[in-house]
C-alpha atoms as a PDB file:
ATOM      1  CA  MET A   1      25.996  24.291  14.445  1.00  0.00           C
ATOM      2  CA  LYS A   2      24.056  21.230  13.327  1.00  0.00           C
ATOM      3  CA  THR A   3      24.641  20.058   9.766  1.00  0.00           C
ATOM      4  CA  ALA A   4      21.494  19.551   7.709  1.00  0.00           C
ATOM      5  CA  ALA A   5      20.655  18.034   4.328  1.00  0.00           C
ATOM      6  CA  LYS A   6      21.101  21.422   2.621  1.00  0.00           C
ATOM      7  CA  ASP A   7      24.732  21.487   3.763  1.00  0.00           C
ATOM      8  CA  ILE A   8      25.717  18.280   1.986  1.00  0.00           C
ATOM      9  CA  MET A   9      23.366  18.259  -1.002  1.00  0.00           C
ATOM     10  CA  ASN A  10      24.588  18.586  -4.553  1.00  0.00           C
ATOM     11  CA  PHE A  11      22.973  21.324  -6.626  1.00  0.00           C
ATOM     12  CA  ASP A  12      23.132  19.313  -9.854  1.00  0.00           C
ATOM     13  CA  LEU A  13      19.438  19.052 -10.703  1.00  0.00           C
ATOM     14  CA  THR A  14      19.785  16.494 -13.489  1.00  0.00           C
ATOM     15  CA  SER A  15      16.287  15.099 -13.888  1.00  0.00           C
ATOM     16  CA  VAL A  16      13.706  13.917 -16.387  1.00  0.00           C
ATOM     17  CA  LEU A  17      10.049  14.685 -16.963  1.00  0.00           C
ATOM     18  CA  GLU A  18       7.350  12.049 -16.542  1.00  0.00           C
ATOM     19  CA  ASP A  19       6.430  12.440 -20.226  1.00  0.00           C
ATOM     20  CA  ASP A  20      10.019  11.760 -21.397  1.00  0.00           C
ATOM     21  CA  LEU A  21      10.715   8.437 -23.079  1.00  0.00           C
ATOM     22  CA  VAL A  22      12.265   5.692 -20.950  1.00  0.00           C
ATOM     23  CA  HIS A  23      15.018   5.280 -23.550  1.00  0.00           C
ATOM     24  CA  ASP A  24      15.985   8.946 -23.120  1.00  0.00           C
ATOM     25  CA  ALA A  25      15.881   8.667 -19.322  1.00  0.00           C
ATOM     26  CA  ILE A  26      18.183   5.640 -19.440  1.00  0.00           C
ATOM     27  CA  HIS A  27      20.579   7.630 -21.613  1.00  0.00           C
ATOM     28  CA  VAL A  28      20.585  10.424 -18.995  1.00  0.00           C
ATOM     29  CA  LEU A  29      21.209   7.890 -16.202  1.00  0.00           C
ATOM     30  CA  TYR A  30      24.227   6.372 -17.867  1.00  0.00           C
ATOM     31  CA  SER A  31      25.682   9.499 -19.447  1.00  0.00           C
ATOM     32  CA  HIS A  32      25.735  11.092 -15.969  1.00  0.00           C
ATOM     33  CA  ASN A  33      26.775   7.853 -14.204  1.00  0.00           C
ATOM     34  CA  LEU A  34      23.673   7.861 -11.967  1.00  0.00           C
ATOM     35  CA  GLN A  35      21.820   4.978 -10.325  1.00  0.00           C
ATOM     36  CA  GLY A  36      18.538   6.865 -10.218  1.00  0.00           C
ATOM     37  CA  ILE A  37      17.031  10.131 -11.339  1.00  0.00           C
ATOM     38  CA  PRO A  38      14.276  12.418 -10.045  1.00  0.00           C
ATOM     39  CA  VAL A  39      11.187  12.755 -12.209  1.00  0.00           C
ATOM     40  CA  LEU A  40       9.633  16.223 -12.322  1.00  0.00           C
ATOM     41  CA  ASP A  41       6.518  17.832 -13.728  1.00  0.00           C
ATOM     42  CA  GLU A  42       6.621  20.982 -15.847  1.00  0.00           C
ATOM     43  CA  ASP A  43       6.777  23.172 -12.704  1.00  0.00           C
ATOM     44  CA  TRP A  44       9.831  21.375 -11.222  1.00  0.00           C
ATOM     45  CA  ASN A  45       7.715  19.544  -8.638  1.00  0.00           C
ATOM     46  CA  LEU A  46       9.039  16.115  -7.691  1.00  0.00           C
ATOM     47  CA  VAL A  47       6.487  13.557  -8.927  1.00  0.00           C
ATOM     48  CA  GLY A  48       8.554  10.385  -8.969  1.00  0.00           C
ATOM     49  CA  PHE A  49      11.919   8.682  -9.143  1.00  0.00           C
ATOM     50  CA  LEU A  50      13.293   6.310 -11.790  1.00  0.00           C
ATOM     51  CA  SER A  51      16.055   3.942 -10.684  1.00  0.00           C
ATOM     52  CA  GLU A  52      18.117   1.278 -12.370  1.00  0.00           C
ATOM     53  CA  SER A  53      16.015  -1.233 -10.424  1.00  0.00           C
ATOM     54  CA  ASP A  54      12.820   0.133 -12.004  1.00  0.00           C
ATOM     55  CA  VAL A  55      14.379  -0.336 -15.447  1.00  0.00           C
ATOM     56  CA  LEU A  56      15.520  -3.884 -14.688  1.00  0.00           C
ATOM     57  CA  LYS A  57      12.162  -4.875 -13.211  1.00  0.00           C
ATOM     58  CA  ALA A  58      10.442  -3.691 -16.382  1.00  0.00           C
ATOM     59  CA  ALA A  59      12.879  -5.548 -18.639  1.00  0.00           C
ATOM     60  CA  VAL A  60      12.929  -8.911 -16.866  1.00  0.00           C
ATOM     61  CA  PRO A  61      10.099 -11.145 -18.051  1.00  0.00           C
ATOM     62  CA  THR A  62       7.734 -12.538 -15.478  1.00  0.00           C
ATOM     63  CA  TYR A  63       7.846 -16.210 -14.630  1.00  0.00           C
ATOM     64  CA  LEU A  64       4.581 -16.805 -16.498  1.00  0.00           C
ATOM     65  CA  GLU A  65       5.886 -15.041 -19.614  1.00  0.00           C
ATOM     66  CA  VAL A  66       8.917 -17.321 -19.651  1.00  0.00           C
ATOM     67  CA  LEU A  67       6.799 -20.451 -19.135  1.00  0.00           C
ATOM     68  CA  ALA A  68       4.373 -19.417 -21.869  1.00  0.00           C
ATOM     69  CA  ARG A  69       7.133 -19.533 -24.461  1.00  0.00           C
ATOM     70  CA  SER A  70       7.609 -22.994 -25.912  1.00  0.00           C
ATOM     71  CA  SER A  71      11.391 -22.738 -26.139  1.00  0.00           C
ATOM     72  CA  PHE A  72      11.972 -20.605 -23.057  1.00  0.00           C
ATOM     73  CA  LEU A  73      15.414 -22.014 -22.298  1.00  0.00           C
ATOM     74  CA  GLU A  74      16.856 -21.190 -25.708  1.00  0.00           C
ATOM     75  CA  ASP A  75      15.754 -17.598 -26.139  1.00  0.00           C
ATOM     76  CA  GLU A  76      15.560 -16.101 -22.648  1.00  0.00           C
ATOM     77  CA  GLU A  77      18.116 -13.422 -23.551  1.00  0.00           C
ATOM     78  CA  ASP A  78      16.131 -12.510 -26.674  1.00  0.00           C
ATOM     79  CA  LEU A  79      13.016 -12.128 -24.528  1.00  0.00           C
ATOM     80  CA  LEU A  80      14.860  -9.856 -22.101  1.00  0.00           C
ATOM     81  CA  LEU A  81      16.238  -7.665 -24.887  1.00  0.00           C
ATOM     82  CA  SER A  82      12.899  -7.588 -26.666  1.00  0.00           C
ATOM     83  CA  ARG A  83      11.116  -6.378 -23.523  1.00  0.00           C
ATOM     84  CA  PHE A  84      13.817  -3.760 -22.960  1.00  0.00           C
ATOM     85  CA  ARG A  85      13.433  -2.425 -26.524  1.00  0.00           C
ATOM     86  CA  SER A  86       9.643  -2.402 -26.287  1.00  0.00           C
ATOM     87  CA  PHE A  87       9.393  -0.232 -23.199  1.00  0.00           C
ATOM     88  CA  GLY A  88      12.092   2.192 -24.329  1.00  0.00           C
ATOM     89  CA  ASN A  89       9.494   4.122 -26.321  1.00  0.00           C
ATOM     90  CA  LYS A  90       7.076   4.366 -23.415  1.00  0.00           C
ATOM     91  CA  LYS A  91       6.881   7.229 -20.958  1.00  0.00           C
ATOM     92  CA  VAL A  92       8.921   7.471 -17.761  1.00  0.00           C
ATOM     93  CA  GLY A  93       5.671   8.009 -15.842  1.00  0.00           C
ATOM     94  CA  ASP A  94       4.666   4.408 -16.626  1.00  0.00           C
ATOM     95  CA  PHE A  95       7.701   2.929 -14.842  1.00  0.00           C
ATOM     96  CA  MET A  96       8.788   5.413 -12.179  1.00  0.00           C
ATOM     97  CA  ASN A  97       8.177   5.112  -8.468  1.00  0.00           C
ATOM     98  CA  ARG A  98       5.293   7.533  -7.831  1.00  0.00           C
ATOM     99  CA  ASN A  99       6.021   7.777  -4.099  1.00  0.00           C
ATOM    100  CA  PRO A 100       9.634   8.925  -4.043  1.00  0.00           C
ATOM    101  CA  ILE A 101      11.519   9.108  -0.786  1.00  0.00           C
ATOM    102  CA  PHE A 102      12.878  12.609  -0.191  1.00  0.00           C
ATOM    103  CA  VAL A 103      14.033  14.965   2.534  1.00  0.00           C
ATOM    104  CA  GLU A 104      13.696  18.682   3.124  1.00  0.00           C
ATOM    105  CA  PRO A 105      16.701  21.048   3.334  1.00  0.00           C
ATOM    106  CA  GLU A 106      16.553  21.247   7.147  1.00  0.00           C
ATOM    107  CA  THR A 107      16.442  17.463   7.665  1.00  0.00           C
ATOM    108  CA  SER A 108      19.151  16.311  10.096  1.00  0.00           C
ATOM    109  CA  LEU A 109      22.074  14.191   8.946  1.00  0.00           C
ATOM    110  CA  MET A 110      20.949  11.378  11.231  1.00  0.00           C
ATOM    111  CA  ALA A 111      17.511  11.320   9.557  1.00  0.00           C
ATOM    112  CA  VAL A 112      19.154  11.367   6.108  1.00  0.00           C
ATOM    113  CA  ALA A 113      21.438   8.464   7.060  1.00  0.00           C
ATOM    114  CA  ASP A 114      18.538   6.526   8.553  1.00  0.00           C
ATOM    115  CA  LEU A 115      16.428   6.892   5.392  1.00  0.00           C
ATOM    116  CA  MET A 116      19.285   5.946   3.081  1.00  0.00           C
ATOM    117  CA  ILE A 117      20.018   2.808   5.085  1.00  0.00           C
ATOM    118  CA  ARG A 118      16.464   1.685   5.907  1.00  0.00           C
ATOM    119  CA  LYS A 119      15.136   2.276   2.396  1.00  0.00           C
ATOM    120  CA  SER A 120      18.335   1.225   0.545  1.00  0.00           C
ATOM    121  CA  VAL A 121      18.439   4.578  -1.234  1.00  0.00           C
ATOM    122  CA  LYS A 122      21.589   5.557  -3.130  1.00  0.00           C
ATOM    123  CA  ARG A 123      20.401   9.020  -4.199  1.00  0.00           C
ATOM    124  CA  LEU A 124      18.007  11.090  -2.134  1.00  0.00           C
ATOM    125  CA  PRO A 125      16.175  14.136  -3.517  1.00  0.00           C
ATOM    126  CA  VAL A 126      16.080  17.271  -1.371  1.00  0.00           C
ATOM    127  CA  VAL A 127      12.757  19.033  -1.876  1.00  0.00           C
ATOM    128  CA  GLU A 128      11.739  22.509  -0.803  1.00  0.00           C
ATOM    129  CA  SER A 129       8.096  23.578  -1.175  1.00  0.00           C
ATOM    130  CA  GLY A 130       7.510  20.575  -3.447  1.00  0.00           C
ATOM    131  CA  LYS A 131      10.303  21.544  -5.854  1.00  0.00           C
ATOM    132  CA  LEU A 132      13.607  19.755  -6.355  1.00  0.00           C
ATOM    133  CA  ALA A 133      16.358  21.733  -4.618  1.00  0.00           C
ATOM    134  CA  GLY A 134      19.231  19.228  -4.733  1.00  0.00           C
ATOM    135  CA  MET A 135      20.360  15.645  -4.322  1.00  0.00           C
ATOM    136  CA  ILE A 136      22.303  13.735  -1.697  1.00  0.00           C
ATOM    137  CA  SER A 137      24.230  10.665  -2.791  1.00  0.00           C
ATOM    138  CA  ARG A 138      25.706   8.022  -0.509  1.00  0.00           C
ATOM    139  CA  GLU A 139      29.083   8.910  -1.953  1.00  0.00           C
ATOM    140  CA  ALA A 140      28.725  12.604  -1.044  1.00  0.00           C
ATOM    141  CA  PHE A 141      27.444  11.692   2.408  1.00  0.00           C
ATOM    142  CA  CYS A 142      30.417   9.431   3.111  1.00  0.00           C
ATOM    143  CA  GLU A 143      32.823  12.020   1.715  1.00  0.00           C
ATOM    144  CA  PHE A 144      31.331  14.634   4.068  1.00  0.00           C
ATOM    145  CA  LEU A 145      31.725  12.286   7.043  1.00  0.00           C
ATOM    146  CA  MET A 146      35.353  11.566   6.194  1.00  0.00           C
ATOM    147  CA  GLU A 147      36.200  15.255   5.721  1.00  0.00           C
ATOM    148  CA  GLU A 148      34.475  16.207   8.999  1.00  0.00           C
ATOM    149  CA  SER A 149      36.235  13.389  10.835  1.00  0.00           C
ATOM    150  CA  VAL A 150      39.631  14.577   9.602  1.00  0.00           C
ATOM    151  CA  SER A 151      38.966  18.277  10.249  1.00  0.00           C
ATOM    152  CA  ARG A 152      37.547  17.694  13.747  1.00  0.00           C
ATOM    153  CA  GLY A 153      40.349  15.297  14.574  1.00  0.00           C
ATOM    154  CA  ALA A 154      42.882  18.019  13.741  1.00  0.00           C
ATOM    155  CA  GLU A 155      41.319  20.446  16.223  1.00  0.00           C
END
């Protein structure tokens, strides 16, 4: 029997909506110890993904913004924190990745591993008929591999 994505996915569907505030989404990320979170519409369709990288990219000032400030060396941290506070009240849909990488429940483990490595994905949504069905994390994937290695080695 071939193992597929559905066999190793987690059924915790922690997610946010694209109209949620970024501040609230960040709270969900850190209260659940996640590196990224699926973004859904009202019908549970996957419409995006918000990662820690998306948050950091939005908070870090551009090179031109730093140069435009007369005392850029003295208050760079203030600029970073100011930008972070300012986008916290904006919608997740403004910062999320609108082309999320995902797999279907029947996707092979090799295809899952390939995507996670090639795309540097830590959490991979599993989508069935457009709707979020589960998540696969690198941690869960590695745990599965270790457990299978031990159980097959004992046979």
